[in-house]
Protein backbone atom coordinates (compact mmCIF):
# COMPACT_ATOMS: atom_id res chain seq x y z
CA UNK A 1 91.04 99.76 129.49
CA UNK A 2 93.84 102.06 128.46
CA UNK A 3 93.05 102.22 124.77
CA UNK A 4 92.36 105.69 123.64
CA UNK A 5 91.56 106.96 120.17
CA UNK A 6 94.42 108.58 118.34
CA UNK A 7 94.95 112.01 119.85
CA UNK A 8 97.73 114.51 120.31
CA UNK A 9 99.92 113.59 123.25
CA UNK A 10 100.38 116.07 126.05
CA UNK A 11 103.42 118.30 125.89
CA UNK A 12 106.40 117.04 127.86
CA UNK A 13 109.27 119.10 129.14
CA UNK A 14 111.49 116.01 129.09
CA UNK A 15 111.16 115.25 125.40
CA UNK A 16 112.80 117.21 122.60
CA UNK A 17 110.05 116.41 120.09
CA UNK A 18 107.18 117.49 122.36
CA UNK A 19 105.94 113.92 122.97
CA UNK A 20 105.92 112.29 126.35
CA UNK A 21 108.50 109.48 126.45
CA UNK A 22 105.90 107.29 128.20
CA UNK A 23 103.36 107.48 125.35
CA UNK A 24 103.39 104.99 122.49
CA UNK A 25 101.04 104.93 119.54
CA UNK A 26 100.25 101.89 117.45
CA UNK A 27 97.58 100.56 115.15
CA UNK A 28 96.13 97.04 115.26
CA UNK A 29 93.46 95.91 112.83
CA UNK A 30 92.85 99.49 111.76
CA UNK A 31 92.25 100.78 115.31
CA UNK A 32 94.65 103.35 116.72
CA UNK A 33 95.79 102.97 120.33
CA UNK A 34 97.73 105.35 122.53
CA UNK A 35 99.48 103.57 125.37
CA UNK A 36 100.43 105.62 128.42
CA UNK A 37 102.92 103.51 130.36
CA UNK A 38 102.29 105.41 133.59
CA UNK A 39 98.56 104.74 133.42
CA UNK A 40 98.98 101.09 132.45
CA UNK A 41 101.56 100.36 135.16
CA UNK A 42 99.53 102.14 137.86
CA UNK A 43 96.64 99.70 137.70
CA UNK A 44 97.82 96.16 137.02
CA UNK A 45 95.17 93.48 137.36
CA UNK A 46 94.56 90.14 135.60
CA UNK A 47 91.79 91.56 133.39
CA UNK A 48 94.07 94.33 132.12
CA UNK A 49 96.89 91.86 131.41
CA UNK A 50 94.44 89.62 129.56
CA UNK A 51 93.11 92.56 127.51
CA UNK A 52 96.62 93.58 126.38
CA UNK A 53 97.54 89.93 125.73
CA UNK A 54 94.48 89.57 123.52
CA UNK A 55 95.49 92.70 121.61
CA UNK A 56 98.98 91.20 121.21
CA UNK A 57 97.38 88.09 119.71
CA UNK A 58 95.45 90.20 117.22
CA UNK A 59 98.64 92.11 116.34
CA UNK A 60 100.48 88.82 115.75
CA UNK A 61 97.70 87.63 113.47
CA UNK A 62 97.77 90.93 111.58
CA UNK A 63 101.55 90.54 111.15
CA UNK A 64 101.11 87.04 109.73
CA UNK A 65 98.45 88.24 107.28
CA UNK A 66 100.62 91.18 106.15
CA UNK A 67 103.60 88.88 105.71
CA UNK A 68 101.54 86.36 103.72
CA UNK A 69 100.21 89.12 101.48
CA UNK A 70 103.77 90.30 100.81
CA UNK A 71 105.03 86.78 100.04
CA UNK A 72 102.05 86.07 97.78
CA UNK A 73 102.50 89.33 95.87
CA UNK A 74 106.24 88.75 95.50
CA UNK A 75 105.74 85.18 94.24
CA UNK A 76 103.10 86.15 91.69
CA UNK A 77 105.10 89.16 90.49
CA UNK A 78 108.26 87.05 90.11
CA UNK A 79 106.43 84.29 88.23
CA UNK A 80 104.74 86.79 85.91
CA UNK A 81 108.04 88.49 85.07
CA UNK A 82 109.80 85.15 84.54
CA UNK A 83 107.01 83.98 82.21
CA UNK A 84 107.03 87.25 80.26
CA UNK A 85 110.85 87.30 79.98
CA UNK A 86 112.06 83.67 80.00
CA UNK A 87 115.64 84.58 79.02
CA UNK A 88 116.06 87.36 81.58
CA UNK A 89 118.60 86.62 84.30
CA UNK A 90 117.18 85.74 87.69
CA UNK A 91 119.00 88.62 89.38
CA UNK A 92 117.37 91.09 86.96
CA UNK A 93 113.92 89.73 87.73
CA UNK A 94 114.64 89.90 91.46
CA UNK A 95 115.91 93.48 91.09
CA UNK A 96 112.76 94.51 89.22
CA UNK A 97 110.54 92.97 91.87
CA UNK A 98 112.57 94.57 94.67
CA UNK A 99 112.35 98.01 93.09
CA UNK A 100 108.57 97.92 92.66
CA UNK A 101 106.81 100.51 94.83
CA UNK A 102 104.20 97.89 95.79
CA UNK A 103 106.95 95.84 97.43
CA UNK A 104 108.02 98.84 99.50
CA UNK A 105 104.41 99.43 100.55
CA UNK A 106 103.92 95.79 101.57
CA UNK A 107 107.24 95.58 103.44
CA UNK A 108 106.45 98.79 105.34
CA UNK A 109 103.11 97.28 106.38
CA UNK A 110 104.92 94.19 107.70
CA UNK A 111 107.44 96.40 109.55
CA UNK A 112 104.65 98.40 111.21
CA UNK A 113 103.01 95.14 112.32
CA UNK A 114 106.36 93.97 113.73
CA UNK A 115 106.62 97.20 115.72
CA UNK A 116 103.13 96.70 117.16
CA UNK A 117 103.88 93.10 118.12
CA UNK A 118 107.18 94.03 119.73
CA UNK A 119 105.65 96.91 121.68
CA UNK A 120 102.69 94.86 122.90
CA UNK A 121 104.85 91.85 123.78
CA UNK A 122 107.09 94.07 125.92
CA UNK A 123 104.04 95.64 127.57
CA UNK A 124 102.44 92.28 128.38
CA UNK A 125 105.73 90.93 129.78
CA UNK A 126 106.07 94.06 131.94
CA UNK A 127 102.50 93.74 133.23
CA UNK A 128 103.03 90.07 134.08
CA UNK A 129 106.13 90.98 136.10
CA UNK A 130 104.26 93.78 137.90
CA UNK A 131 101.20 91.65 138.66
């Protein structure tokens, strides 16, 4: 299959940042993948479509887990602050939770999962059309 370990992409004369515009990198369940759209589109077969669809499923699950972890952390943090400061205004508690660096970390993890899901969904839809 077209899953390669994380590696430097080849230089491209068409890209200002030195990366080929047909290469995409993403991480699913801790494994790094480099997707070369030319390679993937050149050999479309049902097994390849199924492999990418299965990876999409794992990415969707990872997104749900990351989102649940964020929501659980946010709920616990909000409840703890409300219990410790019962007279504090709700907006102040929300602002304190929103400004916590852990929230930024968790939201970035969810955003990266969203990117992986979006990329893989587009790839699978393309492969289905090409098949």
